C-alpha atoms as a PDB file:
ATOM      1  CA  MET A   1    -104.016  49.124 -55.661  1.00  0.00           C
ATOM      2  CA  PHE A   2    -105.662  46.072 -54.177  1.00  0.00           C
ATOM      3  CA  ARG A   3    -104.786  45.685 -50.560  1.00  0.00           C
ATOM      4  CA  THR A   4    -105.279  43.398 -47.698  1.00  0.00           C
ATOM      5  CA  LEU A   5    -107.171  44.674 -44.560  1.00  0.00           C
ATOM      6  CA  GLY A   6    -103.740  45.081 -42.937  1.00  0.00           C
ATOM      7  CA  GLY A   7    -102.608  47.378 -45.736  1.00  0.00           C
ATOM      8  CA  GLY A   8    -100.275  44.832 -47.419  1.00  0.00           C
ATOM      9  CA  ASP A   9    -100.171  45.016 -51.231  1.00  0.00           C
ATOM     10  CA  LEU A  10    -100.675  41.953 -53.087  1.00  0.00           C
ATOM     11  CA  THR A  11     -98.679  42.945 -56.006  1.00  0.00           C
ATOM     12  CA  THR A  12     -94.835  42.841 -55.842  1.00  0.00           C
ATOM     13  CA  ASN A  13     -92.344  45.783 -56.357  1.00  0.00           C
ATOM     14  CA  ARG A  14     -91.260  44.085 -59.860  1.00  0.00           C
ATOM     15  CA  THR A  15     -94.917  44.186 -60.925  1.00  0.00           C
ATOM     16  CA  LYS A  16     -95.283  47.862 -60.022  1.00  0.00           C
ATOM     17  CA  THR A  17     -92.143  48.698 -62.077  1.00  0.00           C
ATOM     18  CA  ALA A  18     -92.667  46.546 -65.034  1.00  0.00           C
ATOM     19  CA  HIS A  19     -96.359  46.281 -65.416  1.00  0.00           C
ATOM     20  CA  PRO A  20     -98.155  48.290 -62.752  1.00  0.00           C
ATOM     21  CA  HIS A  21    -101.670  47.463 -61.874  1.00  0.00           C
ATOM     22  CA  ALA A  22    -103.572  45.450 -59.312  1.00  0.00           C
ATOM     23  CA  ILE A  23    -104.953  42.149 -59.816  1.00  0.00           C
ATOM     24  CA  THR A  24    -108.474  43.607 -59.401  1.00  0.00           C
ATOM     25  CA  GLU A  25    -107.879  45.793 -62.459  1.00  0.00           C
ATOM     26  CA  LEU A  26    -106.470  43.057 -64.726  1.00  0.00           C
ATOM     27  CA  CYS A  27    -105.220  44.632 -67.926  1.00  0.00           C
ATOM     28  CA  ASP A  28    -107.021  43.835 -71.182  1.00  0.00           C
ATOM     29  CA  GLU A  29    -104.132  41.953 -72.694  1.00  0.00           C
ATOM     30  CA  GLY A  30    -103.606  40.046 -69.297  1.00  0.00           C
ATOM     31  CA  GLY A  31    -107.456  39.193 -69.344  1.00  0.00           C
ATOM     32  CA  ARG A  32    -107.287  37.958 -73.024  1.00  0.00           C
ATOM     33  CA  LEU A  33    -104.260  35.859 -72.513  1.00  0.00           C
ATOM     34  CA  TYR A  34    -105.608  34.353 -69.287  1.00  0.00           C
ATOM     35  CA  ALA A  35    -109.102  33.427 -70.871  1.00  0.00           C
ATOM     36  CA  ASN A  36    -107.144  32.090 -73.834  1.00  0.00           C
ATOM     37  CA  ALA A  37    -104.959  29.794 -71.634  1.00  0.00           C
ATOM     38  CA  LEU A  38    -108.160  28.581 -69.826  1.00  0.00           C
ATOM     39  CA  ARG A  39    -109.850  27.746 -72.946  1.00  0.00           C
ATOM     40  CA  THR A  40    -106.891  25.984 -74.775  1.00  0.00           C
ATOM     41  CA  GLY A  41    -105.020  24.505 -71.573  1.00  0.00           C
ATOM     42  CA  ARG A  42    -101.804  26.553 -72.286  1.00  0.00           C
ATOM     43  CA  ILE A  43    -100.293  29.356 -74.029  1.00  0.00           C
ATOM     44  CA  ALA A  44     -96.642  29.931 -75.483  1.00  0.00           C
ATOM     45  CA  ARG A  45     -94.322  31.554 -73.023  1.00  0.00           C
ATOM     46  CA  ALA A  46     -93.307  34.113 -75.796  1.00  0.00           C
ATOM     47  CA  GLU A  47     -97.001  35.199 -76.137  1.00  0.00           C
ATOM     48  CA  ALA A  48     -97.395  35.959 -72.447  1.00  0.00           C
ATOM     49  CA  GLU A  49     -94.240  38.345 -72.394  1.00  0.00           C
ATOM     50  CA  SER A  50     -96.703  41.284 -73.394  1.00  0.00           C
ATOM     51  CA  ALA A  51     -98.591  40.677 -70.030  1.00  0.00           C
ATOM     52  CA  PRO A  52     -95.936  39.824 -67.308  1.00  0.00           C
ATOM     53  CA  CYS A  53     -98.681  40.561 -64.802  1.00  0.00           C
ATOM     54  CA  LEU A  54     -99.995  36.849 -65.245  1.00  0.00           C
ATOM     55  CA  MET A  55     -96.776  35.626 -63.804  1.00  0.00           C
ATOM     56  CA  GLU A  56     -96.559  38.009 -60.997  1.00  0.00           C
ATOM     57  CA  PHE A  57    -100.057  37.310 -60.040  1.00  0.00           C
ATOM     58  CA  ALA A  58     -99.330  33.613 -60.280  1.00  0.00           C
ATOM     59  CA  LEU A  59    -102.126  33.033 -62.838  1.00  0.00           C
ATOM     60  CA  LEU A  60     -99.825  31.180 -65.023  1.00  0.00           C
ATOM     61  CA  HIS A  61     -97.071  28.728 -64.185  1.00  0.00           C
ATOM     62  CA  PRO A  62     -94.393  26.789 -66.352  1.00  0.00           C
ATOM     63  CA  ASP A  63     -95.496  23.779 -68.276  1.00  0.00           C
ATOM     64  CA  PRO A  64     -93.473  20.823 -66.348  1.00  0.00           C
ATOM     65  CA  ASP A  65     -93.353  19.093 -69.741  1.00  0.00           C
ATOM     66  CA  ASP A  66     -92.227  21.762 -71.867  1.00  0.00           C
ATOM     67  CA  ALA A  67     -90.363  25.117 -70.738  1.00  0.00           C
ATOM     68  CA  ASN A  68     -91.514  26.957 -73.892  1.00  0.00           C
ATOM     69  CA  TRP A  69     -95.366  26.796 -72.639  1.00  0.00           C
ATOM     70  CA  LEU A  70     -97.227  28.064 -69.682  1.00  0.00           C
ATOM     71  CA  ARG A  71    -100.322  26.740 -68.132  1.00  0.00           C
ATOM     72  CA  PRO A  72    -103.103  28.431 -66.395  1.00  0.00           C
ATOM     73  CA  VAL A  73    -103.952  28.277 -62.800  1.00  0.00           C
ATOM     74  CA  SER A  74    -107.504  27.512 -62.091  1.00  0.00           C
ATOM     75  CA  PRO A  75    -109.505  30.796 -61.158  1.00  0.00           C
ATOM     76  CA  SER A  76    -110.882  28.928 -58.142  1.00  0.00           C
ATOM     77  CA  VAL A  77    -107.402  28.267 -56.756  1.00  0.00           C
ATOM     78  CA  ALA A  78    -106.119  31.783 -57.597  1.00  0.00           C
ATOM     79  CA  LEU A  79    -109.071  33.394 -55.816  1.00  0.00           C
ATOM     80  CA  ALA A  80    -108.771  31.238 -52.705  1.00  0.00           C
ATOM     81  CA  GLN A  81    -104.939  32.010 -52.435  1.00  0.00           C
ATOM     82  CA  ARG A  82    -105.908  35.698 -52.219  1.00  0.00           C
ATOM     83  CA  LEU A  83    -109.134  35.335 -50.035  1.00  0.00           C
ATOM     84  CA  ASN A  84    -107.380  33.021 -47.496  1.00  0.00           C
ATOM     85  CA  PRO A  85    -105.028  35.638 -45.887  1.00  0.00           C
ATOM     86  CA  ILE A  86    -107.871  38.358 -45.902  1.00  0.00           C
ATOM     87  CA  GLU A  87    -110.320  35.864 -44.215  1.00  0.00           C
ATOM     88  CA  ARG A  88    -107.660  35.049 -41.643  1.00  0.00           C
ATOM     89  CA  GLU A  89    -107.257  38.696 -40.893  1.00  0.00           C
ATOM     90  CA  ILE A  90    -110.962  39.185 -40.717  1.00  0.00           C
ATOM     91  CA  VAL A  91    -111.344  36.510 -38.166  1.00  0.00           C
ATOM     92  CA  ALA A  92    -108.385  38.161 -36.099  1.00  0.00           C
ATOM     93  CA  ARG A  93    -110.076  41.646 -36.365  1.00  0.00           C
ATOM     94  CA  ARG A  94    -113.409  40.045 -35.170  1.00  0.00           C
ATOM     95  CA  GLN A  95    -111.592  38.590 -32.101  1.00  0.00           C
ATOM     96  CA  THR A  96    -109.952  41.771 -31.336  1.00  0.00           C
ATOM     97  CA  SER A  97    -113.410  43.592 -31.320  1.00  0.00           C
ATOM     98  CA  ILE A  98    -114.794  40.899 -29.115  1.00  0.00           C
ATOM     99  CA  GLU A  99    -111.958  41.405 -26.567  1.00  0.00           C
ATOM    100  CA  LEU A 100    -112.366  45.275 -26.811  1.00  0.00           C
ATOM    101  CA  ALA A 101    -116.089  45.051 -26.139  1.00  0.00           C
ATOM    102  CA  GLU A 102    -115.365  42.778 -23.080  1.00  0.00           C
ATOM    103  CA  ALA A 103    -112.777  45.131 -21.893  1.00  0.00           C
ATOM    104  CA  PHE A 104    -115.068  48.235 -21.980  1.00  0.00           C
ATOM    105  CA  GLU A 105    -118.166  46.422 -20.866  1.00  0.00           C
ATOM    106  CA  PRO A 106    -117.681  47.236 -17.129  1.00  0.00           C
ATOM    107  CA  PHE A 107    -117.243  50.997 -17.941  1.00  0.00           C
ATOM    108  CA  MET A 108    -120.298  50.904 -20.310  1.00  0.00           C
ATOM    109  CA  ALA A 109    -122.328  49.795 -17.456  1.00  0.00           C
ATOM    110  CA  LEU A 110    -121.069  52.890 -15.336  1.00  0.00           C
ATOM    111  CA  SER A 111    -121.873  55.177 -18.032  1.00  0.00           C
ATOM    112  CA  ALA A 112    -125.353  53.718 -18.265  1.00  0.00           C
ATOM    113  CA  GLN A 113    -126.035  54.468 -14.464  1.00  0.00           C
ATOM    114  CA  GLY A 114    -125.288  58.047 -15.254  1.00  0.00           C
ATOM    115  CA  THR A 115    -121.996  58.307 -13.202  1.00  0.00           C
ATOM    116  CA  ALA A 116    -119.840  59.283 -16.112  1.00  0.00           C
ATOM    117  CA  PRO A 117    -119.485  63.214 -16.579  1.00  0.00           C
ATOM    118  CA  THR A 118    -120.783  64.839 -19.744  1.00  0.00           C
ATOM    119  CA  HIS A 119    -117.966  66.324 -21.704  1.00  0.00           C
ATOM    120  CA  SER A 120    -118.932  69.828 -22.364  1.00  0.00           C
ATOM    121  CA  ILE A 121    -115.503  70.927 -23.632  1.00  0.00           C
ATOM    122  CA  THR A 122    -113.597  68.415 -25.892  1.00  0.00           C
ATOM    123  CA  VAL A 123    -110.107  69.230 -27.388  1.00  0.00           C
ATOM    124  CA  LEU A 124    -109.882  68.048 -30.973  1.00  0.00           C
ATOM    125  CA  GLU A 125    -106.271  67.391 -32.280  1.00  0.00           C
ATOM    126  CA  GLY A 126    -105.548  66.921 -35.947  1.00  0.00           C
ATOM    127  CA  LEU A 127    -107.718  67.749 -39.103  1.00  0.00           C
ATOM    128  CA  ASP A 128    -108.995  64.181 -39.370  1.00  0.00           C
ATOM    129  CA  ARG A 129    -110.505  64.289 -35.943  1.00  0.00           C
ATOM    130  CA  ILE A 130    -111.718  67.832 -36.375  1.00  0.00           C
ATOM    131  CA  ASN A 131    -113.317  67.031 -39.619  1.00  0.00           C
ATOM    132  CA  ALA A 132    -114.899  63.897 -38.242  1.00  0.00           C
ATOM    133  CA  ALA A 133    -116.576  65.807 -35.326  1.00  0.00           C
ATOM    134  CA  LEU A 134    -117.734  68.459 -37.667  1.00  0.00           C
ATOM    135  CA  ASP A 135    -119.126  65.874 -40.104  1.00  0.00           C
ATOM    136  CA  LEU A 136    -121.051  64.214 -37.108  1.00  0.00           C
ATOM    137  CA  ALA A 137    -122.488  67.648 -35.877  1.00  0.00           C
ATOM    138  CA  THR A 138    -123.657  68.871 -39.248  1.00  0.00           C
ATOM    139  CA  GLY A 139    -125.053  65.489 -40.136  1.00  0.00           C
ATOM    140  CA  GLN A 140    -127.253  65.678 -36.994  1.00  0.00           C
ATOM    141  CA  CYS A 141    -128.098  69.405 -37.423  1.00  0.00           C
ATOM    142  CA  ARG A 142    -131.877  69.806 -37.953  1.00  0.00           C
ATOM    143  CA  ASN A 143    -132.719  73.540 -37.523  1.00  0.00           C
ATOM    144  CA  GLU A 144    -129.892  76.008 -38.106  1.00  0.00           C
ATOM    145  CA  MET A 145    -126.126  76.315 -38.633  1.00  0.00           C
ATOM    146  CA  LEU A 146    -124.348  79.562 -37.967  1.00  0.00           C
ATOM    147  CA  THR A 147    -120.919  80.028 -39.468  1.00  0.00           C
ATOM    148  CA  ILE A 148    -118.137  82.744 -39.433  1.00  0.00           C
ATOM    149  CA  GLN A 149    -115.692  82.323 -42.343  1.00  0.00           C
ATOM    150  CA  PRO A 150    -112.640  84.623 -42.559  1.00  0.00           C
ATOM    151  CA  SER A 151    -112.085  85.196 -46.119  1.00  0.00           C
ATOM    152  CA  ALA A 152    -108.878  83.121 -46.657  1.00  0.00           C
ATOM    153  CA  ARG A 153    -108.622  81.425 -50.082  1.00  0.00           C
ATOM    154  CA  HIS A 154    -109.361  77.728 -49.901  1.00  0.00           C
ATOM    155  CA  PRO A 155    -108.427  74.798 -52.224  1.00  0.00           C
ATOM    156  CA  GLU A 156    -111.057  73.910 -54.719  1.00  0.00           C
ATOM    157  CA  ARG A 157    -111.428  70.624 -52.990  1.00  0.00           C
ATOM    158  CA  ARG A 158    -112.351  72.355 -49.710  1.00  0.00           C
ATOM    159  CA  LEU A 159    -114.946  74.617 -51.454  1.00  0.00           C
ATOM    160  CA  ILE A 160    -116.475  71.463 -53.107  1.00  0.00           C
ATOM    161  CA  GLU A 161    -116.655  69.623 -49.793  1.00  0.00           C
ATOM    162  CA  GLY A 162    -118.432  72.614 -48.256  1.00  0.00           C
ATOM    163  CA  LEU A 163    -120.900  72.839 -51.249  1.00  0.00           C
ATOM    164  CA  GLU A 164    -121.767  69.214 -50.732  1.00  0.00           C
ATOM    165  CA  ARG A 165    -122.247  69.531 -46.954  1.00  0.00           C
ATOM    166  CA  ASP A 166    -124.351  72.730 -47.205  1.00  0.00           C
ATOM    167  CA  ARG A 167    -126.414  71.341 -50.107  1.00  0.00           C
ATOM    168  CA  THR A 168    -127.151  68.094 -48.097  1.00  0.00           C
ATOM    169  CA  MET A 169    -128.065  70.096 -44.998  1.00  0.00           C
ATOM    170  CA  THR A 170    -130.369  72.561 -46.766  1.00  0.00           C
ATOM    171  CA  GLU A 171    -132.253  69.636 -48.359  1.00  0.00           C
ATOM    172  CA  ARG A 172    -133.044  68.472 -44.832  1.00  0.00           C
ATOM    173  CA  GLY A 173    -134.506  71.902 -44.301  1.00  0.00           C
ATOM    174  CA  VAL A 174    -131.553  73.292 -42.207  1.00  0.00           C
ATOM    175  CA  ARG A 175    -131.193  76.947 -42.423  1.00  0.00           C
ATOM    176  CA  ILE A 176    -127.623  78.434 -42.975  1.00  0.00           C
ATOM    177  CA  ARG A 177    -126.193  81.808 -41.971  1.00  0.00           C
ATOM    178  CA  THR A 178    -122.821  82.597 -42.987  1.00  0.00           C
ATOM    179  CA  LEU A 179    -120.654  85.666 -42.266  1.00  0.00           C
ATOM    180  CA  TYR A 180    -117.715  86.563 -44.440  1.00  0.00           C
ATOM    181  CA  GLN A 181    -115.414  89.494 -44.520  1.00  0.00           C
ATOM    182  CA  HIS A 182    -115.962  92.092 -47.345  1.00  0.00           C
ATOM    183  CA  THR A 183    -112.998  90.687 -49.341  1.00  0.00           C
ATOM    184  CA  ALA A 184    -115.066  87.586 -50.166  1.00  0.00           C
ATOM    185  CA  ARG A 185    -116.935  89.797 -52.589  1.00  0.00           C
ATOM    186  CA  TYR A 186    -113.859  89.885 -54.776  1.00  0.00           C
ATOM    187  CA  SER A 187    -113.146  85.998 -54.724  1.00  0.00           C
ATOM    188  CA  PRO A 188    -114.448  84.465 -57.938  1.00  0.00           C
ATOM    189  CA  GLU A 189    -114.356  81.114 -56.261  1.00  0.00           C
ATOM    190  CA  ARG A 190    -116.338  82.277 -53.148  1.00  0.00           C
ATOM    191  CA  LEU A 191    -118.967  83.986 -55.202  1.00  0.00           C
ATOM    192  CA  ALA A 192    -119.477  80.845 -57.513  1.00  0.00           C
ATOM    193  CA  TYR A 193    -120.049  78.859 -54.355  1.00  0.00           C
ATOM    194  CA  MET A 194    -122.408  81.206 -52.850  1.00  0.00           C
ATOM    195  CA  ASP A 195    -124.429  81.486 -56.294  1.00  0.00           C
ATOM    196  CA  ARG A 196    -125.220  77.843 -55.872  1.00  0.00           C
ATOM    197  CA  PHE A 197    -127.406  78.824 -52.924  1.00  0.00           C
ATOM    198  CA  ALA A 198    -129.125  81.919 -54.590  1.00  0.00           C
ATOM    199  CA  ASP A 199    -132.622  80.269 -53.714  1.00  0.00           C
ATOM    200  CA  GLY A 200    -132.808  81.709 -50.153  1.00  0.00           C
ATOM    201  CA  LYS A 201    -132.026  78.661 -48.161  1.00  0.00           C
ATOM    202  CA  VAL A 202    -128.686  80.245 -47.221  1.00  0.00           C
ATOM    203  CA  GLU A 203    -128.068  83.740 -46.198  1.00  0.00           C
ATOM    204  CA  TYR A 204    -124.664  85.641 -46.538  1.00  0.00           C
ATOM    205  CA  ARG A 205    -123.493  88.688 -45.051  1.00  0.00           C
ATOM    206  CA  THR A 206    -120.109  90.368 -45.123  1.00  0.00           C
ATOM    207  CA  ILE A 207    -118.455  92.593 -42.635  1.00  0.00           C
ATOM    208  CA  ASP A 208    -115.089  94.303 -42.425  1.00  0.00           C
ATOM    209  CA  GLU A 209    -113.354  92.422 -39.794  1.00  0.00           C
ATOM    210  CA  LEU A 210    -113.577  89.048 -38.431  1.00  0.00           C
ATOM    211  CA  VAL A 211    -111.228  87.478 -35.662  1.00  0.00           C
ATOM    212  CA  GLU A 212    -111.622  83.632 -36.241  1.00  0.00           C
ATOM    213  CA  ARG A 213    -113.834  80.796 -37.551  1.00  0.00           C
ATOM    214  CA  LEU A 214    -116.895  79.686 -35.653  1.00  0.00           C
ATOM    215  CA  ILE A 215    -119.375  76.932 -36.457  1.00  0.00           C
ATOM    216  CA  ILE A 216    -122.537  76.527 -34.326  1.00  0.00           C
ATOM    217  CA  CYS A 217    -125.191  73.773 -34.959  1.00  0.00           C
ATOM    218  CA  ASP A 218    -128.727  73.872 -33.489  1.00  0.00           C
ATOM    219  CA  GLU A 219    -127.773  75.937 -30.513  1.00  0.00           C
ATOM    220  CA  ALA A 220    -126.344  72.666 -29.138  1.00  0.00           C
ATOM    221  CA  VAL A 221    -122.608  72.446 -30.097  1.00  0.00           C
ATOM    222  CA  ALA A 222    -119.965  75.051 -31.334  1.00  0.00           C
ATOM    223  CA  PHE A 223    -116.658  74.763 -32.837  1.00  0.00           C
ATOM    224  CA  ILE A 224    -113.659  77.102 -32.629  1.00  0.00           C
ATOM    225  CA  PRO A 225    -110.043  76.937 -33.518  1.00  0.00           C
ATOM    226  CA  ILE A 226    -107.411  77.497 -30.756  1.00  0.00           C
ATOM    227  CA  ARG A 227    -104.220  77.347 -32.813  1.00  0.00           C
ATOM    228  CA  ASP A 228    -103.163  79.545 -35.781  1.00  0.00           C
ATOM    229  CA  ASP A 229    -102.396  76.350 -38.002  1.00  0.00           C
ATOM    230  CA  ARG A 230    -106.068  75.040 -37.128  1.00  0.00           C
ATOM    231  CA  GLN A 231    -104.655  71.587 -36.225  1.00  0.00           C
ATOM    232  CA  VAL A 232    -106.464  71.841 -32.800  1.00  0.00           C
ATOM    233  CA  ALA A 233    -110.043  73.085 -32.139  1.00  0.00           C
ATOM    234  CA  LEU A 234    -112.551  73.004 -29.250  1.00  0.00           C
ATOM    235  CA  GLU A 235    -115.823  71.101 -29.341  1.00  0.00           C
ATOM    236  CA  LEU A 236    -118.234  73.101 -27.061  1.00  0.00           C
ATOM    237  CA  ARG A 237    -121.320  71.631 -25.744  1.00  0.00           C
ATOM    238  CA  HIS A 238    -121.723  73.714 -22.628  1.00  0.00           C
ATOM    239  CA  PRO A 239    -125.131  75.500 -22.938  1.00  0.00           C
ATOM    240  CA  GLY A 240    -123.829  78.697 -21.461  1.00  0.00           C
ATOM    241  CA  LEU A 241    -120.792  78.835 -23.698  1.00  0.00           C
ATOM    242  CA  VAL A 242    -122.847  77.933 -26.827  1.00  0.00           C
ATOM    243  CA  GLN A 243    -125.439  80.867 -26.028  1.00  0.00           C
ATOM    244  CA  TYR A 244    -122.777  83.344 -25.627  1.00  0.00           C
ATOM    245  CA  LEU A 245    -121.131  82.464 -28.913  1.00  0.00           C
ATOM    246  CA  ILE A 246    -124.515  82.780 -30.568  1.00  0.00           C
ATOM    247  CA  LYS A 247    -125.021  86.371 -28.982  1.00  0.00           C
ATOM    248  CA  VAL A 248    -121.553  87.081 -30.477  1.00  0.00           C
ATOM    249  CA  PHE A 249    -122.669  85.898 -33.780  1.00  0.00           C
ATOM    250  CA  GLU A 250    -125.896  87.813 -33.812  1.00  0.00           C
ATOM    251  CA  PHE A 251    -124.201  91.173 -32.822  1.00  0.00           C
ATOM    252  CA  MET A 252    -121.995  90.660 -35.834  1.00  0.00           C
ATOM    253  CA  TRP A 253    -124.757  89.616 -38.118  1.00  0.00           C
ATOM    254  CA  SER A 254    -126.889  92.642 -37.186  1.00  0.00           C
ATOM    255  CA  ARG A 255    -123.744  94.965 -38.334  1.00  0.00           C
ATOM    256  CA  ALA A 256    -122.984  92.999 -41.481  1.00  0.00           C
ATOM    257  CA  VAL A 257    -123.920  93.875 -45.131  1.00  0.00           C
ATOM    258  CA  PRO A 258    -126.280  91.448 -46.958  1.00  0.00           C
ATOM    259  CA  LEU A 259    -124.426  90.123 -49.993  1.00  0.00           C
ATOM    260  CA  SER A 260    -127.324  91.307 -52.191  1.00  0.00           C
ATOM    261  CA  ALA A 261    -126.985  94.915 -50.828  1.00  0.00           C
ATOM    262  CA  GLY A 262    -124.115  95.662 -53.228  1.00  0.00           C
ATOM    263  CA  ALA A 263    -120.414  96.477 -52.572  1.00  0.00           C
ATOM    264  CA  PRO A 264    -119.691  98.023 -49.181  1.00  0.00           C
ATOM    265  CA  TYR A 265    -116.536  99.805 -50.307  1.00  0.00           C
ATOM    266  CA  GLU A 266    -118.106 102.860 -51.668  1.00  0.00           C
ATOM    267  CA  THR A 267    -116.551 106.227 -51.201  1.00  0.00           C
ATOM    268  CA  ALA A 268    -118.004 108.243 -48.210  1.00  0.00           C
ATOM    269  CA  PRO A 269    -118.588 111.915 -48.559  1.00  0.00           C
ATOM    270  CA  ASP A 270    -115.186 112.594 -46.888  1.00  0.00           C
ATOM    271  CA  GLY A 271    -113.441 110.745 -49.839  1.00  0.00           C
ATOM    272  CA  ILE A 272    -112.487 107.765 -47.623  1.00  0.00           C
ATOM    273  CA  THR A 273    -114.037 104.260 -48.319  1.00  0.00           C
ATOM    274  CA  ASP A 274    -115.349 102.082 -45.671  1.00  0.00           C
ATOM    275  CA  ILE A 275    -112.531  99.662 -45.696  1.00  0.00           C
ATOM    276  CA  GLN A 276    -110.128 102.684 -45.338  1.00  0.00           C
ATOM    277  CA  HIS A 277    -112.075 103.787 -42.301  1.00  0.00           C
ATOM    278  CA  SER A 278    -111.548 100.092 -40.905  1.00  0.00           C
ATOM    279  CA  ILE A 279    -107.791 100.524 -41.745  1.00  0.00           C
ATOM    280  CA  ALA A 280    -107.606 103.875 -40.019  1.00  0.00           C
ATOM    281  CA  LYS A 281    -109.044 102.657 -36.824  1.00  0.00           C
ATOM    282  CA  LEU A 282    -106.557  99.817 -36.624  1.00  0.00           C
ATOM    283  CA  LEU A 283    -103.752 102.050 -37.590  1.00  0.00           C
ATOM    284  CA  VAL A 284    -104.569 104.204 -34.751  1.00  0.00           C
ATOM    285  CA  GLU A 285    -104.804 101.351 -32.387  1.00  0.00           C
ATOM    286  CA  GLY A 286    -101.061 100.582 -33.313  1.00  0.00           C
ATOM    287  CA  HIS A 287    -101.475  97.373 -35.554  1.00  0.00           C
ATOM    288  CA  VAL A 288     -98.827  96.674 -38.139  1.00  0.00           C
ATOM    289  CA  ASP A 289     -99.657  96.183 -41.850  1.00  0.00           C
ATOM    290  CA  GLU A 290     -99.437  92.473 -41.545  1.00  0.00           C
ATOM    291  CA  ALA A 291    -101.690  92.263 -38.537  1.00  0.00           C
ATOM    292  CA  ILE A 292    -104.239  94.721 -40.275  1.00  0.00           C
ATOM    293  CA  ALA A 293    -104.152  92.599 -43.554  1.00  0.00           C
ATOM    294  CA  ARG A 294    -104.817  89.455 -41.606  1.00  0.00           C
ATOM    295  CA  ARG A 295    -107.666  90.891 -39.538  1.00  0.00           C
ATOM    296  CA  LEU A 296    -109.452  92.429 -42.526  1.00  0.00           C
ATOM    297  CA  GLY A 297    -108.904  89.258 -44.831  1.00  0.00           C
ATOM    298  CA  MET A 298    -106.691  90.752 -47.545  1.00  0.00           C
ATOM    299  CA  ASN A 299    -102.924  90.360 -48.578  1.00  0.00           C
ATOM    300  CA  VAL A 300    -100.438  92.897 -47.329  1.00  0.00           C
ATOM    301  CA  ARG A 301    -100.055  94.368 -50.704  1.00  0.00           C
ATOM    302  CA  THR A 302    -103.579  95.357 -50.883  1.00  0.00           C
ATOM    303  CA  CYS A 303    -103.625  96.670 -47.420  1.00  0.00           C
ATOM    304  CA  ARG A 304    -100.602  99.011 -48.194  1.00  0.00           C
ATOM    305  CA  ALA A 305    -102.155 100.211 -51.241  1.00  0.00           C
ATOM    306  CA  HIS A 306    -105.275 101.367 -49.066  1.00  0.00           C
ATOM    307  CA  ILE A 307    -103.100 102.950 -46.589  1.00  0.00           C
ATOM    308  CA  ALA A 308    -101.350 104.898 -49.434  1.00  0.00           C
ATOM    309  CA  LYS A 309    -104.782 106.128 -50.641  1.00  0.00           C
ATOM    310  CA  LEU A 310    -105.677 106.942 -47.082  1.00  0.00           C
ATOM    311  CA  ALA A 311    -102.461 108.866 -46.627  1.00  0.00           C
ATOM    312  CA  THR A 312    -103.048 110.694 -49.931  1.00  0.00           C
ATOM    313  CA  ALA A 313    -106.798 111.611 -48.943  1.00  0.00           C
ATOM    314  CA  LEU A 314    -105.469 113.066 -45.802  1.00  0.00           C
ATOM    315  CA  GLY A 315    -102.464 114.658 -47.077  1.00  0.00           C
ATOM    316  CA  SER A 316     -99.945 112.786 -44.995  1.00  0.00           C
ATOM    317  CA  GLY A 317     -96.274 112.605 -45.804  1.00  0.00           C
ATOM    318  CA  SER A 318     -95.164 109.842 -43.444  1.00  0.00           C
ATOM    319  CA  ARG A 319     -96.504 106.911 -41.214  1.00  0.00           C
ATOM    320  CA  ALA A 320     -96.236 108.903 -37.961  1.00  0.00           C
ATOM    321  CA  GLN A 321     -97.975 111.807 -39.473  1.00  0.00           C
ATOM    322  CA  LEU A 322    -100.660 109.653 -40.820  1.00  0.00           C
ATOM    323  CA  GLY A 323    -101.722 108.513 -37.444  1.00  0.00           C
ATOM    324  CA  TYR A 324    -101.854 112.165 -36.164  1.00  0.00           C
ATOM    325  CA  LEU A 325    -104.025 113.175 -39.116  1.00  0.00           C
ATOM    326  CA  ILE A 326    -106.391 110.403 -38.737  1.00  0.00           C
ATOM    327  CA  ALA A 327    -106.963 111.498 -35.196  1.00  0.00           C
ATOM    328  CA  GLN A 328    -107.420 115.014 -36.092  1.00  0.00           C
ATOM    329  CA  SER A 329    -109.579 114.436 -38.979  1.00  0.00           C
ATOM    330  CA  GLY A 330    -112.556 113.319 -36.924  1.00  0.00           C
ATOM    331  CA  ILE A 331    -113.285 110.230 -39.247  1.00  0.00           C
ATOM    332  CA  LEU A 332    -113.187 107.791 -36.378  1.00  0.00           C
ATOM    333  CA  ASP A 333    -115.478 110.084 -34.355  1.00  0.00           C
ATOM    334  CA  GLN A 334    -117.831 109.728 -37.057  1.00  0.00           C
ATOM    335  CA  ASP A 335    -117.623 106.125 -36.922  1.00  0.00           C
ATOM    336  CA  GLN A 336    -118.290 106.094 -33.008  1.00  0.00           C
ATOM    337  CA  ARG A 337    -121.039 108.478 -33.402  1.00  0.00           C
ATOM    338  CA  SER A 338    -122.752 106.196 -35.977  1.00  0.00           C
ATOM    339  CA  ALA A 339    -122.205 103.140 -33.748  1.00  0.00           C
ATOM    340  CA  GLY A 340    -123.731 105.069 -30.803  1.00  0.00           C
ATOM    341  CA  GLU A 341    -126.835 106.114 -32.790  1.00  0.00           C
ATOM    342  CA  GLU A 342    -127.410 102.373 -33.849  1.00  0.00           C
ATOM    343  CA  ASN A 343    -127.094 101.378 -30.239  1.00  0.00           C
ATOM    344  CA  HIS A 344    -129.563 104.104 -29.128  1.00  0.00           C
ATOM    345  CA  ALA A 345    -132.059 102.918 -31.765  1.00  0.00           C
END
């Protein structure tokens, strides 16, 4: 709809109900009749009934000599009627901007002298503010962006926005490395997204467990969520904090599986898959099914199916017995020994 700068709608409620369109989108019939009225000087009222928008937009008015006819309003007059309130509001907005600039001018002078502190931690509340800060940081990124993305399903609109952002960055020469959970390998939308960057400009790896999202741009700024609904985030610019988060990322990156290396859920010699090893570790730590599913990026039904297969492989008849058998089986000791060997290497 055509709106003034203040958000007011130039169409009336009756227009929206009877003949809904904006004056900037004049319908074909309305345009034809208005042009005909301008050429001939008037049109019959009955003929104009097919385009009531002409009366609603005040492009026609009753003929003072004959009520059966309508006369056109000059286009220059109609345009001025609609531009005048917009121009008045523009003048008012400009005046407000001047007043704001004058109000902040003393503080800008203090900032220029270096007395204002640099904000190393900024709280961002609301998706609009979070996305605006992310857009600014990614737009300024020139070397590398590191991201951790737990494998939750996202609306197609979000994937398209991410695709456009990443494409623009790689065209500037920015390197992108992204960590997903193993479950991302079974998401058609996610795989289709990653296939768009199969030219080596973006690297993807997957790992069994990720805690939360993380975005780091050029070793200068990092973003982390601080609420489960992701409506609040922190923008971190403290060099020590950013470097610490980079080390956390690199630690997980070194243990993750490249997307090109094939599926990581292959069955081990003991008959238990990698994902079931991960579930076994979390079971022994006392996590419930919902928490395990959330940490491994899968739905609860899939998690419980893996637990059932794990119980069958170990010969468990109950949940309590399963924890005991996991501890007795030595499968977690194998994981610890493997990790120890990697660290020693």
